[in-house]
C-alpha atoms as a PDB file:
ATOM      1  CA  UNK A   1     -40.315  79.565  47.044  1.00  0.00           C
ATOM      2  CA  UNK A   2     -41.344  77.141  49.786  1.00  0.00           C
ATOM      3  CA  UNK A   3     -39.736  74.254  47.939  1.00  0.00           C
ATOM      4  CA  UNK A   4     -36.520  76.239  47.471  1.00  0.00           C
ATOM      5  CA  UNK A   5     -36.388  76.973  51.200  1.00  0.00           C
ATOM      6  CA  UNK A   6     -36.807  73.256  51.935  1.00  0.00           C
ATOM      7  CA  UNK A   7     -33.891  72.458  49.631  1.00  0.00           C
ATOM      8  CA  UNK A   8     -31.673  75.002  51.381  1.00  0.00           C
ATOM      9  CA  UNK A   9     -32.006  73.056  54.625  1.00  0.00           C
ATOM     10  CA  UNK A  10     -32.111  69.572  53.089  1.00  0.00           C
ATOM     11  CA  UNK A  11     -28.986  69.909  50.941  1.00  0.00           C
ATOM     12  CA  UNK A  12     -26.493  70.372  53.835  1.00  0.00           C
ATOM     13  CA  UNK A  13     -28.116  67.524  55.775  1.00  0.00           C
ATOM     14  CA  UNK A  14     -27.923  65.246  52.728  1.00  0.00           C
ATOM     15  CA  UNK A  15     -24.287  66.212  52.144  1.00  0.00           C
ATOM     16  CA  UNK A  16     -23.361  65.431  55.753  1.00  0.00           C
ATOM     17  CA  UNK A  17     -25.217  62.125  55.626  1.00  0.00           C
ATOM     18  CA  UNK A  18     -23.466  61.188  52.387  1.00  0.00           C
ATOM     19  CA  UNK A  19     -19.967  62.254  53.451  1.00  0.00           C
ATOM     20  CA  UNK A  20     -19.899  61.150  57.079  1.00  0.00           C
ATOM     21  CA  UNK A  21     -22.130  58.058  57.127  1.00  0.00           C
ATOM     22  CA  UNK A  22     -23.116  56.547  53.797  1.00  0.00           C
ATOM     23  CA  UNK A  23     -19.772  56.672  51.971  1.00  0.00           C
ATOM     24  CA  UNK A  24     -17.714  55.382  54.952  1.00  0.00           C
ATOM     25  CA  UNK A  25     -20.244  52.603  55.569  1.00  0.00           C
ATOM     26  CA  UNK A  26     -20.195  51.559  51.922  1.00  0.00           C
ATOM     27  CA  UNK A  27     -16.392  51.535  51.947  1.00  0.00           C
ATOM     28  CA  UNK A  28     -16.394  49.536  55.192  1.00  0.00           C
ATOM     29  CA  UNK A  29     -18.808  46.980  53.743  1.00  0.00           C
ATOM     30  CA  UNK A  30     -16.729  46.659  50.562  1.00  0.00           C
ATOM     31  CA  UNK A  31     -13.518  46.203  52.562  1.00  0.00           C
ATOM     32  CA  UNK A  32     -15.243  43.416  54.471  1.00  0.00           C
ATOM     33  CA  UNK A  33     -15.970  41.667  51.178  1.00  0.00           C
ATOM     34  CA  UNK A  34     -12.265  41.581  50.254  1.00  0.00           C
ATOM     35  CA  UNK A  35     -10.641  38.129  50.054  1.00  0.00           C
ATOM     36  CA  UNK A  36      -8.632  36.741  52.967  1.00  0.00           C
ATOM     37  CA  UNK A  37      -6.754  33.472  52.368  1.00  0.00           C
ATOM     38  CA  UNK A  38      -8.835  32.915  49.270  1.00  0.00           C
ATOM     39  CA  UNK A  39     -12.169  33.530  50.982  1.00  0.00           C
ATOM     40  CA  UNK A  40     -14.382  36.540  51.547  1.00  0.00           C
ATOM     41  CA  UNK A  41     -13.612  38.180  54.895  1.00  0.00           C
ATOM     42  CA  UNK A  42     -17.250  37.794  55.932  1.00  0.00           C
ATOM     43  CA  UNK A  43     -16.958  34.041  55.412  1.00  0.00           C
ATOM     44  CA  UNK A  44     -13.762  34.015  57.444  1.00  0.00           C
ATOM     45  CA  UNK A  45     -15.482  35.829  60.281  1.00  0.00           C
ATOM     46  CA  UNK A  46     -18.596  33.613  60.425  1.00  0.00           C
ATOM     47  CA  UNK A  47     -16.613  30.357  60.222  1.00  0.00           C
ATOM     48  CA  UNK A  48     -13.914  31.149  62.814  1.00  0.00           C
ATOM     49  CA  UNK A  49     -14.867  30.045  66.368  1.00  0.00           C
ATOM     50  CA  UNK A  50     -12.683  32.714  67.998  1.00  0.00           C
ATOM     51  CA  UNK A  51     -14.710  35.505  66.395  1.00  0.00           C
ATOM     52  CA  UNK A  52     -17.963  33.890  67.490  1.00  0.00           C
ATOM     53  CA  UNK A  53     -16.549  33.599  71.004  1.00  0.00           C
ATOM     54  CA  UNK A  54     -15.634  37.286  70.978  1.00  0.00           C
ATOM     55  CA  UNK A  55     -19.123  38.211  69.744  1.00  0.00           C
ATOM     56  CA  UNK A  56     -20.762  36.001  72.382  1.00  0.00           C
ATOM     57  CA  UNK A  57     -18.665  37.576  75.153  1.00  0.00           C
ATOM     58  CA  UNK A  58     -19.561  41.055  73.932  1.00  0.00           C
ATOM     59  CA  UNK A  59     -23.302  40.375  73.730  1.00  0.00           C
ATOM     60  CA  UNK A  60     -23.415  38.484  77.044  1.00  0.00           C
ATOM     61  CA  UNK A  61     -21.471  41.157  78.925  1.00  0.00           C
ATOM     62  CA  UNK A  62     -23.521  43.967  77.360  1.00  0.00           C
ATOM     63  CA  UNK A  63     -26.782  42.239  78.310  1.00  0.00           C
ATOM     64  CA  UNK A  64     -25.553  41.597  81.862  1.00  0.00           C
ATOM     65  CA  UNK A  65     -24.461  45.227  82.264  1.00  0.00           C
ATOM     66  CA  UNK A  66     -27.783  46.385  80.807  1.00  0.00           C
ATOM     67  CA  UNK A  67     -29.718  44.247  83.301  1.00  0.00           C
ATOM     68  CA  UNK A  68     -27.590  45.500  86.191  1.00  0.00           C
ATOM     69  CA  UNK A  69     -28.028  49.089  85.063  1.00  0.00           C
ATOM     70  CA  UNK A  70     -31.814  48.789  84.905  1.00  0.00           C
ATOM     71  CA  UNK A  71     -31.934  46.970  88.256  1.00  0.00           C
ATOM     72  CA  UNK A  72     -30.094  49.831  89.961  1.00  0.00           C
ATOM     73  CA  UNK A  73     -31.598  52.702  87.973  1.00  0.00           C
ATOM     74  CA  UNK A  74     -35.261  51.798  88.417  1.00  0.00           C
ATOM     75  CA  UNK A  75     -35.507  52.399  92.197  1.00  0.00           C
ATOM     76  CA  UNK A  76     -33.164  55.395  92.038  1.00  0.00           C
ATOM     77  CA  UNK A  77     -35.098  57.026  89.178  1.00  0.00           C
ATOM     78  CA  UNK A  78     -38.429  56.405  90.918  1.00  0.00           C
ATOM     79  CA  UNK A  79     -37.120  57.858  94.164  1.00  0.00           C
ATOM     80  CA  UNK A  80     -35.868  61.029  92.463  1.00  0.00           C
ATOM     81  CA  UNK A  81     -39.155  61.425  90.589  1.00  0.00           C
ATOM     82  CA  UNK A  82     -41.394  61.004  93.623  1.00  0.00           C
ATOM     83  CA  UNK A  83     -39.230  62.979  96.052  1.00  0.00           C
ATOM     84  CA  UNK A  84     -38.663  66.327  94.421  1.00  0.00           C
ATOM     85  CA  UNK A  85     -37.688  68.159  97.601  1.00  0.00           C
ATOM     86  CA  UNK A  86     -35.317  66.815 100.224  1.00  0.00           C
ATOM     87  CA  UNK A  87     -32.047  68.126 101.703  1.00  0.00           C
ATOM     88  CA  UNK A  88     -29.095  67.410  99.445  1.00  0.00           C
ATOM     89  CA  UNK A  89     -31.131  66.447  96.383  1.00  0.00           C
ATOM     90  CA  UNK A  90     -29.143  68.665  94.031  1.00  0.00           C
ATOM     91  CA  UNK A  91     -25.872  67.329  95.383  1.00  0.00           C
ATOM     92  CA  UNK A  92     -27.079  63.745  94.977  1.00  0.00           C
ATOM     93  CA  UNK A  93     -28.253  64.328  91.399  1.00  0.00           C
ATOM     94  CA  UNK A  94     -24.990  66.068  90.583  1.00  0.00           C
ATOM     95  CA  UNK A  95     -22.989  63.110  91.891  1.00  0.00           C
ATOM     96  CA  UNK A  96     -25.142  60.639  89.976  1.00  0.00           C
ATOM     97  CA  UNK A  97     -24.712  62.571  86.732  1.00  0.00           C
ATOM     98  CA  UNK A  98     -21.001  63.265  87.258  1.00  0.00           C
ATOM     99  CA  UNK A  99     -19.781  60.190  85.307  1.00  0.00           C
ATOM    100  CA  UNK A 100     -21.248  61.728  82.132  1.00  0.00           C
ATOM    101  CA  UNK A 101     -18.240  64.044  82.046  1.00  0.00           C
ATOM    102  CA  UNK A 102     -15.751  61.164  81.941  1.00  0.00           C
ATOM    103  CA  UNK A 103     -14.560  59.433  78.749  1.00  0.00           C
ATOM    104  CA  UNK A 104     -14.115  55.687  78.687  1.00  0.00           C
ATOM    105  CA  UNK A 105     -10.378  55.907  79.388  1.00  0.00           C
ATOM    106  CA  UNK A 106     -10.991  57.753  82.671  1.00  0.00           C
ATOM    107  CA  UNK A 107     -13.696  55.258  83.637  1.00  0.00           C
ATOM    108  CA  UNK A 108     -11.226  52.426  83.064  1.00  0.00           C
ATOM    109  CA  UNK A 109      -8.625  54.184  85.187  1.00  0.00           C
ATOM    110  CA  UNK A 110     -11.161  54.593  88.006  1.00  0.00           C
ATOM    111  CA  UNK A 111     -11.926  50.862  87.870  1.00  0.00           C
ATOM    112  CA  UNK A 112      -8.193  50.125  88.177  1.00  0.00           C
ATOM    113  CA  UNK A 113      -7.969  52.406  91.215  1.00  0.00           C
ATOM    114  CA  UNK A 114     -10.935  50.546  92.711  1.00  0.00           C
ATOM    115  CA  UNK A 115     -10.247  46.902  91.814  1.00  0.00           C
ATOM    116  CA  UNK A 116      -6.705  46.837  90.420  1.00  0.00           C
ATOM    117  CA  UNK A 117      -3.531  45.443  91.967  1.00  0.00           C
ATOM    118  CA  UNK A 118      -3.030  48.635  93.983  1.00  0.00           C
ATOM    119  CA  UNK A 119      -6.759  49.322  94.242  1.00  0.00           C
ATOM    120  CA  UNK A 120      -8.854  49.970  97.304  1.00  0.00           C
ATOM    121  CA  UNK A 121     -10.647  46.605  97.190  1.00  0.00           C
ATOM    122  CA  UNK A 122      -7.397  44.620  96.958  1.00  0.00           C
ATOM    123  CA  UNK A 123      -5.814  46.521  99.835  1.00  0.00           C
ATOM    124  CA  UNK A 124      -8.914  46.033 101.972  1.00  0.00           C
ATOM    125  CA  UNK A 125      -9.033  42.320 101.098  1.00  0.00           C
ATOM    126  CA  UNK A 126      -5.377  41.846 102.045  1.00  0.00           C
ATOM    127  CA  UNK A 127      -5.927  43.659 105.325  1.00  0.00           C
ATOM    128  CA  UNK A 128      -9.018  41.606 106.237  1.00  0.00           C
ATOM    129  CA  UNK A 129      -8.170  38.149 104.878  1.00  0.00           C
ATOM    130  CA  UNK A 130      -4.572  38.243 103.721  1.00  0.00           C
ATOM    131  CA  UNK A 131      -5.628  37.276 100.175  1.00  0.00           C
ATOM    132  CA  UNK A 132      -5.537  39.414  97.042  1.00  0.00           C
ATOM    133  CA  UNK A 133      -8.754  40.338  95.257  1.00  0.00           C
ATOM    134  CA  UNK A 134      -8.080  41.815  91.826  1.00  0.00           C
ATOM    135  CA  UNK A 135     -10.702  41.828  89.071  1.00  0.00           C
ATOM    136  CA  UNK A 136     -10.155  45.113  87.242  1.00  0.00           C
ATOM    137  CA  UNK A 137      -8.429  43.469  84.288  1.00  0.00           C
ATOM    138  CA  UNK A 138     -11.093  40.933  83.319  1.00  0.00           C
ATOM    139  CA  UNK A 139     -14.803  40.788  82.550  1.00  0.00           C
ATOM    140  CA  UNK A 140     -15.677  41.729  86.142  1.00  0.00           C
ATOM    141  CA  UNK A 141     -13.841  45.027  85.865  1.00  0.00           C
ATOM    142  CA  UNK A 142     -15.318  45.742  82.470  1.00  0.00           C
ATOM    143  CA  UNK A 143     -18.788  45.000  83.869  1.00  0.00           C
ATOM    144  CA  UNK A 144     -18.247  47.653  86.548  1.00  0.00           C
ATOM    145  CA  UNK A 145     -17.007  50.091  83.913  1.00  0.00           C
ATOM    146  CA  UNK A 146     -20.122  49.575  81.809  1.00  0.00           C
ATOM    147  CA  UNK A 147     -22.322  50.111  84.865  1.00  0.00           C
ATOM    148  CA  UNK A 148     -20.501  53.309  85.774  1.00  0.00           C
ATOM    149  CA  UNK A 149     -20.869  54.633  82.253  1.00  0.00           C
ATOM    150  CA  UNK A 150     -24.539  53.684  81.740  1.00  0.00           C
ATOM    151  CA  UNK A 151     -26.133  54.523  85.082  1.00  0.00           C
ATOM    152  CA  UNK A 152     -26.424  58.340  84.726  1.00  0.00           C
ATOM    153  CA  UNK A 153     -28.248  58.213  81.385  1.00  0.00           C
ATOM    154  CA  UNK A 154     -30.557  55.409  82.474  1.00  0.00           C
ATOM    155  CA  UNK A 155     -31.447  57.057  85.780  1.00  0.00           C
ATOM    156  CA  UNK A 156     -32.270  60.294  83.954  1.00  0.00           C
ATOM    157  CA  UNK A 157     -34.563  58.548  81.463  1.00  0.00           C
ATOM    158  CA  UNK A 158     -36.426  56.605  84.151  1.00  0.00           C
ATOM    159  CA  UNK A 159     -36.801  59.679  86.358  1.00  0.00           C
ATOM    160  CA  UNK A 160     -38.254  61.671  83.444  1.00  0.00           C
ATOM    161  CA  UNK A 161     -40.733  58.887  82.655  1.00  0.00           C
ATOM    162  CA  UNK A 162     -41.764  58.449  86.289  1.00  0.00           C
ATOM    163  CA  UNK A 163     -42.465  62.183  86.603  1.00  0.00           C
ATOM    164  CA  UNK A 164     -45.077  61.852  83.832  1.00  0.00           C
ATOM    165  CA  UNK A 165     -47.015  59.169  85.698  1.00  0.00           C
ATOM    166  CA  UNK A 166     -50.496  60.225  86.834  1.00  0.00           C
ATOM    167  CA  UNK A 167     -50.337  60.256  90.631  1.00  0.00           C
ATOM    168  CA  UNK A 168     -54.139  60.071  90.871  1.00  0.00           C
ATOM    169  CA  UNK A 169     -54.011  56.479  89.592  1.00  0.00           C
ATOM    170  CA  UNK A 170     -51.746  55.473  92.451  1.00  0.00           C
ATOM    171  CA  UNK A 171     -53.935  57.318  94.960  1.00  0.00           C
ATOM    172  CA  UNK A 172     -57.034  55.544  93.653  1.00  0.00           C
ATOM    173  CA  UNK A 173     -55.325  52.157  93.871  1.00  0.00           C
ATOM    174  CA  UNK A 174     -54.214  52.930  97.421  1.00  0.00           C
ATOM    175  CA  UNK A 175     -57.772  53.920  98.359  1.00  0.00           C
ATOM    176  CA  UNK A 176     -59.022  50.589  96.987  1.00  0.00           C
ATOM    177  CA  UNK A 177     -56.584  48.741  99.232  1.00  0.00           C
ATOM    178  CA  UNK A 178     -53.853  47.816  96.743  1.00  0.00           C
ATOM    179  CA  UNK A 179     -50.500  47.132  98.332  1.00  0.00           C
ATOM    180  CA  UNK A 180     -47.381  49.061  97.355  1.00  0.00           C
ATOM    181  CA  UNK A 181     -46.180  46.067  95.316  1.00  0.00           C
ATOM    182  CA  UNK A 182     -49.501  45.793  93.445  1.00  0.00           C
ATOM    183  CA  UNK A 183     -49.470  49.519  92.695  1.00  0.00           C
ATOM    184  CA  UNK A 184     -45.960  49.194  91.312  1.00  0.00           C
ATOM    185  CA  UNK A 185     -46.628  46.049  89.275  1.00  0.00           C
ATOM    186  CA  UNK A 186     -50.045  47.053  87.883  1.00  0.00           C
ATOM    187  CA  UNK A 187     -49.642  50.823  87.392  1.00  0.00           C
ATOM    188  CA  UNK A 188     -46.068  52.042  87.546  1.00  0.00           C
ATOM    189  CA  UNK A 189     -44.266  49.256  85.726  1.00  0.00           C
ATOM    190  CA  UNK A 190     -46.534  49.241  82.627  1.00  0.00           C
ATOM    191  CA  UNK A 191     -46.221  53.034  82.409  1.00  0.00           C
ATOM    192  CA  UNK A 192     -42.448  52.878  82.737  1.00  0.00           C
ATOM    193  CA  UNK A 193     -41.976  49.949  80.348  1.00  0.00           C
ATOM    194  CA  UNK A 194     -41.267  52.063  77.207  1.00  0.00           C
ATOM    195  CA  UNK A 195     -38.672  54.086  79.111  1.00  0.00           C
ATOM    196  CA  UNK A 196     -37.109  50.895  80.485  1.00  0.00           C
ATOM    197  CA  UNK A 197     -36.926  49.380  77.016  1.00  0.00           C
ATOM    198  CA  UNK A 198     -35.425  52.537  75.542  1.00  0.00           C
ATOM    199  CA  UNK A 199     -32.919  52.958  78.371  1.00  0.00           C
ATOM    200  CA  UNK A 200     -31.957  49.292  78.185  1.00  0.00           C
ATOM    201  CA  UNK A 201     -31.433  49.473  74.431  1.00  0.00           C
ATOM    202  CA  UNK A 202     -29.294  52.597  74.796  1.00  0.00           C
ATOM    203  CA  UNK A 203     -27.215  50.945  77.515  1.00  0.00           C
ATOM    204  CA  UNK A 204     -26.762  47.793  75.436  1.00  0.00           C
ATOM    205  CA  UNK A 205     -25.726  49.707  72.314  1.00  0.00           C
ATOM    206  CA  UNK A 206     -23.241  51.820  74.285  1.00  0.00           C
ATOM    207  CA  UNK A 207     -21.728  48.737  75.901  1.00  0.00           C
ATOM    208  CA  UNK A 208     -21.437  46.871  72.612  1.00  0.00           C
ATOM    209  CA  UNK A 209     -19.270  49.573  71.059  1.00  0.00           C
ATOM    210  CA  UNK A 210     -17.335  50.752  74.138  1.00  0.00           C
ATOM    211  CA  UNK A 211     -13.599  50.758  73.486  1.00  0.00           C
ATOM    212  CA  UNK A 212     -11.819  53.247  75.741  1.00  0.00           C
ATOM    213  CA  UNK A 213     -12.690  51.405  78.949  1.00  0.00           C
ATOM    214  CA  UNK A 214     -11.690  47.948  77.726  1.00  0.00           C
ATOM    215  CA  UNK A 215      -8.488  49.290  76.173  1.00  0.00           C
ATOM    216  CA  UNK A 216      -7.513  50.882  79.495  1.00  0.00           C
ATOM    217  CA  UNK A 217      -8.265  47.767  81.522  1.00  0.00           C
ATOM    218  CA  UNK A 218      -6.288  45.388  79.297  1.00  0.00           C
ATOM    219  CA  UNK A 219      -5.865  44.205  75.745  1.00  0.00           C
ATOM    220  CA  UNK A 220      -6.466  40.546  76.686  1.00  0.00           C
ATOM    221  CA  UNK A 221     -10.175  41.010  77.374  1.00  0.00           C
ATOM    222  CA  UNK A 222     -11.921  39.110  74.587  1.00  0.00           C
ATOM    223  CA  UNK A 223     -14.693  41.425  73.408  1.00  0.00           C
ATOM    224  CA  UNK A 224     -15.414  42.452  69.840  1.00  0.00           C
ATOM    225  CA  UNK A 225     -14.207  46.104  69.939  1.00  0.00           C
ATOM    226  CA  UNK A 226     -10.838  44.869  71.231  1.00  0.00           C
ATOM    227  CA  UNK A 227     -10.746  42.132  68.587  1.00  0.00           C
ATOM    228  CA  UNK A 228     -11.403  44.688  65.853  1.00  0.00           C
ATOM    229  CA  UNK A 229      -8.621  46.895  67.213  1.00  0.00           C
ATOM    230  CA  UNK A 230      -6.142  44.009  67.281  1.00  0.00           C
ATOM    231  CA  UNK A 231      -7.025  42.875  63.769  1.00  0.00           C
ATOM    232  CA  UNK A 232      -6.667  46.402  62.413  1.00  0.00           C
ATOM    233  CA  UNK A 233      -3.658  47.657  64.383  1.00  0.00           C
ATOM    234  CA  UNK A 234      -1.567  44.654  65.411  1.00  0.00           C
ATOM    235  CA  UNK A 235      -2.188  42.322  62.455  1.00  0.00           C
ATOM    236  CA  UNK A 236      -3.026  44.844  59.690  1.00  0.00           C
ATOM    237  CA  UNK A 237      -5.913  42.549  58.743  1.00  0.00           C
ATOM    238  CA  UNK A 238      -8.152  45.313  57.429  1.00  0.00           C
ATOM    239  CA  UNK A 239     -10.743  43.120  55.623  1.00  0.00           C
ATOM    240  CA  UNK A 240     -11.435  41.059  58.761  1.00  0.00           C
ATOM    241  CA  UNK A 241     -11.555  44.207  60.928  1.00  0.00           C
ATOM    242  CA  UNK A 242     -14.071  45.729  58.501  1.00  0.00           C
ATOM    243  CA  UNK A 243     -16.180  42.566  58.437  1.00  0.00           C
ATOM    244  CA  UNK A 244     -16.199  42.394  62.235  1.00  0.00           C
ATOM    245  CA  UNK A 245     -17.228  46.049  62.378  1.00  0.00           C
ATOM    246  CA  UNK A 246     -20.212  45.325  60.143  1.00  0.00           C
ATOM    247  CA  UNK A 247     -21.154  42.319  62.295  1.00  0.00           C
ATOM    248  CA  UNK A 248     -20.939  44.457  65.451  1.00  0.00           C
ATOM    249  CA  UNK A 249     -23.075  47.168  63.885  1.00  0.00           C
ATOM    250  CA  UNK A 250     -25.702  44.703  62.662  1.00  0.00           C
ATOM    251  CA  UNK A 251     -25.952  42.965  66.033  1.00  0.00           C
ATOM    252  CA  UNK A 252     -26.402  46.302  67.804  1.00  0.00           C
ATOM    253  CA  UNK A 253     -28.898  47.540  65.218  1.00  0.00           C
ATOM    254  CA  UNK A 254     -30.933  44.353  65.568  1.00  0.00           C
ATOM    255  CA  UNK A 255     -31.295  44.834  69.317  1.00  0.00           C
ATOM    256  CA  UNK A 256     -32.233  48.508  68.860  1.00  0.00           C
ATOM    257  CA  UNK A 257     -34.810  47.553  66.219  1.00  0.00           C
ATOM    258  CA  UNK A 258     -36.394  44.952  68.503  1.00  0.00           C
ATOM    259  CA  UNK A 259     -36.424  47.422  71.408  1.00  0.00           C
ATOM    260  CA  UNK A 260     -38.045  50.092  69.248  1.00  0.00           C
ATOM    261  CA  UNK A 261     -40.672  47.597  68.061  1.00  0.00           C
ATOM    262  CA  UNK A 262     -41.435  46.510  71.626  1.00  0.00           C
ATOM    263  CA  UNK A 263     -41.717  50.116  72.807  1.00  0.00           C
ATOM    264  CA  UNK A 264     -44.010  50.923  69.885  1.00  0.00           C
ATOM    265  CA  UNK A 265     -46.260  47.941  70.553  1.00  0.00           C
ATOM    266  CA  UNK A 266     -46.504  48.916  74.217  1.00  0.00           C
ATOM    267  CA  UNK A 267     -47.488  52.462  73.285  1.00  0.00           C
ATOM    268  CA  UNK A 268     -50.213  51.157  70.956  1.00  0.00           C
ATOM    269  CA  UNK A 269     -51.422  48.751  73.633  1.00  0.00           C
ATOM    270  CA  UNK A 270     -51.589  51.553  76.190  1.00  0.00           C
ATOM    271  CA  UNK A 271     -53.468  53.759  73.748  1.00  0.00           C
ATOM    272  CA  UNK A 272     -56.005  51.050  73.024  1.00  0.00           C
END
């Protein structure tokens, strides 16, 4: 009877996994193995410099946005964790989490309103210096879009981890004369490292596959999601689009695997 009950719950999960993940992934991998100009599409992808350039741009921009997100989120998350009561806290948290309700297309539109040709920054630059300052339609605008999209999740993860930190350790270090920097470097940072790794990996994976923002900002931005879209939609080159999709997924999975391994090793080190 117990085994039958387990099967009742396992069968729908297995069916969903098979129908919505395994079968599409197998079909995608097989499409990527189709011949293009007499060669396997995977071989075409790994031997064409323009695809490598697109992959490099995607990884570099995702890493830069991840680093910027962590740099901003760490002090904000710590502040929210250690200051639970102050006037306007709920309003501040609500504003910080507000971007979660926006899809990538809306984020891209906001970046255009900020740094586009008619944006606030360009108008202010023309008023102050007489020169135009427009960067919404290149990597700079996409970098801002990735930051805007990643910050709420990262701040929430760091705040939750900082709230679990044992305050008595910091009080003991303060009593022994440790400076604020030493307390942060020796106590807080090691405790927050798994959360930082997890939040960074999540930010990187989200940035690697983001499409709505880059599509809104401009189709000439050379990142892999846009390249896949062009190959599939504009050139009807389905085998190459499938092969690039597999490459994008593998690159993202590799980073997530490394992050998970690092977080696991840190947990074991802390436990020892």
